[in-house]
Protein backbone atom coordinates (compact mmCIF):
# COMPACT_ATOMS: atom_id res chain seq x y z
CA MET A 1 0.02 0.02 0.01
CA SER A 2 1.37 3.30 -1.05
CA GLY A 3 2.22 6.33 1.10
CA ASP A 4 0.37 9.09 -0.79
CA ALA A 5 -2.77 7.72 -2.42
CA THR A 6 -6.45 8.40 -2.44
CA ILE A 7 -7.92 7.14 0.79
CA VAL A 8 -11.64 6.48 0.97
CA LEU A 9 -13.35 6.68 4.36
CA MET A 10 -16.56 4.75 4.81
CA TRP A 11 -18.99 5.58 7.64
CA GLU A 12 -22.06 3.35 8.05
CA ALA A 13 -24.82 3.49 10.63
CA ARG A 14 -28.23 1.79 11.11
CA ALA A 15 -31.10 3.91 12.29
CA ALA A 16 -33.38 3.07 15.17
CA GLU A 17 -36.89 1.98 14.16
CA GLY A 18 -38.67 4.77 12.24
CA ARG A 19 -35.67 7.13 12.28
CA GLY A 20 -34.07 6.41 8.91
CA GLY A 21 -34.96 9.75 7.41
CA GLU A 22 -33.69 11.58 10.45
CA LEU A 23 -30.34 9.67 10.33
CA LEU A 24 -30.06 10.35 6.57
CA GLU A 25 -30.55 14.11 7.03
CA TRP A 26 -28.19 14.18 10.00
CA ALA A 27 -25.45 12.46 7.96
CA ARG A 28 -26.08 14.80 5.02
CA ALA A 29 -25.65 17.86 7.21
CA ARG A 30 -22.53 16.52 9.01
CA SER A 31 -20.87 15.49 5.75
CA THR A 32 -20.90 19.11 4.62
CA GLU A 33 -19.46 20.33 7.97
CA LEU A 34 -16.17 18.42 7.88
CA ALA A 35 -13.05 20.33 8.96
CA ARG A 36 -11.91 20.37 5.33
CA GLU A 37 -13.48 19.46 2.00
CA PRO A 38 -12.90 15.97 0.56
CA ALA A 39 -12.12 15.48 -3.14
CA ARG A 40 -15.45 13.64 -3.41
CA ARG A 41 -18.29 12.57 -1.15
CA GLU A 42 -21.26 10.24 -1.54
CA LEU A 43 -24.26 9.61 0.67
CA LEU A 44 -26.14 6.33 0.22
CA ARG A 45 -28.92 4.44 1.92
CA ALA A 46 -29.85 0.77 2.10
CA PRO A 47 -32.57 -1.48 3.49
CA GLN A 48 -33.03 -1.60 7.28
CA ASP A 49 -32.57 2.19 7.40
CA ARG A 50 -28.80 2.00 6.96
CA VAL A 51 -26.89 5.14 5.87
CA LEU A 52 -23.47 5.14 4.27
CA VAL A 53 -21.19 8.15 3.76
CA MET A 54 -18.04 7.80 1.66
CA THR A 55 -15.38 10.53 1.42
CA TRP A 56 -12.34 10.52 -0.87
CA TRP A 57 -9.10 12.14 0.29
CA GLU A 58 -6.34 12.64 -2.28
CA ASP A 59 -2.60 12.53 -1.46
CA ALA A 60 -3.33 10.82 1.85
CA SER A 61 -2.22 7.71 3.72
CA TYR A 62 -3.93 5.29 6.08
CA ALA A 63 -2.18 6.95 9.03
CA ASP A 64 -3.34 10.49 8.23
CA ASP A 65 -5.76 12.26 10.62
CA LEU A 66 -8.65 12.75 8.14
CA PRO A 67 -11.95 14.41 9.04
CA GLU A 68 -14.65 11.86 9.82
CA LEU A 69 -18.30 12.06 10.73
CA PRO A 70 -18.99 11.79 14.44
CA GLU A 71 -21.33 9.32 16.20
CA PRO A 72 -24.93 10.42 16.00
CA ASP A 73 -27.00 10.58 19.15
CA ALA A 74 -27.41 7.04 20.54
CA ALA A 75 -31.20 7.28 20.36
CA VAL A 76 -31.06 7.60 16.56
CA ILE A 77 -28.98 4.47 15.88
CA THR A 78 -29.27 0.76 16.78
CA ARG A 79 -25.54 0.09 17.20
CA PRO A 80 -22.19 1.91 17.12
CA VAL A 81 -21.15 3.36 13.75
CA HIS A 82 -18.97 1.14 11.56
CA ARG A 83 -15.93 2.82 9.94
CA TRP A 84 -13.43 1.56 7.35
CA ARG A 85 -10.53 3.00 5.38
CA PHE A 86 -9.69 1.87 1.86
CA GLU A 87 -7.09 2.84 -0.71
CA ALA A 88 -8.48 3.57 -4.15
CA VAL A 89 -6.74 1.42 -6.71
CA GLY A 90 -8.62 2.24 -9.72
C-alpha cells in the first residue's frame, strides 16, 4: 500500500426503528461540515434504514488524521457506527 494515495473513508450506521430519514438528514448535514473538503463525497442508503457516507481524500495515507463524521445521538442508531478506510486502486 502506497504512502500518498487516495484514501476512501466509509462511515455506516443503522437507524433506530422509524428514524431512517432523520439519520439520513443528520449524515447529509454533518458530511458538509467536515473540517476540510474531501475531493469527493457520496451519501447512500440501504434497506433496514442503513446510511453510508463515503469521502475521498487525495494525497493521503492510512495513518493521516482525516476528518470523519462523528457518532450520531445514541437514540437515533441501533448500534455503534462502523468505519473503514480503503485505498482507491482504480
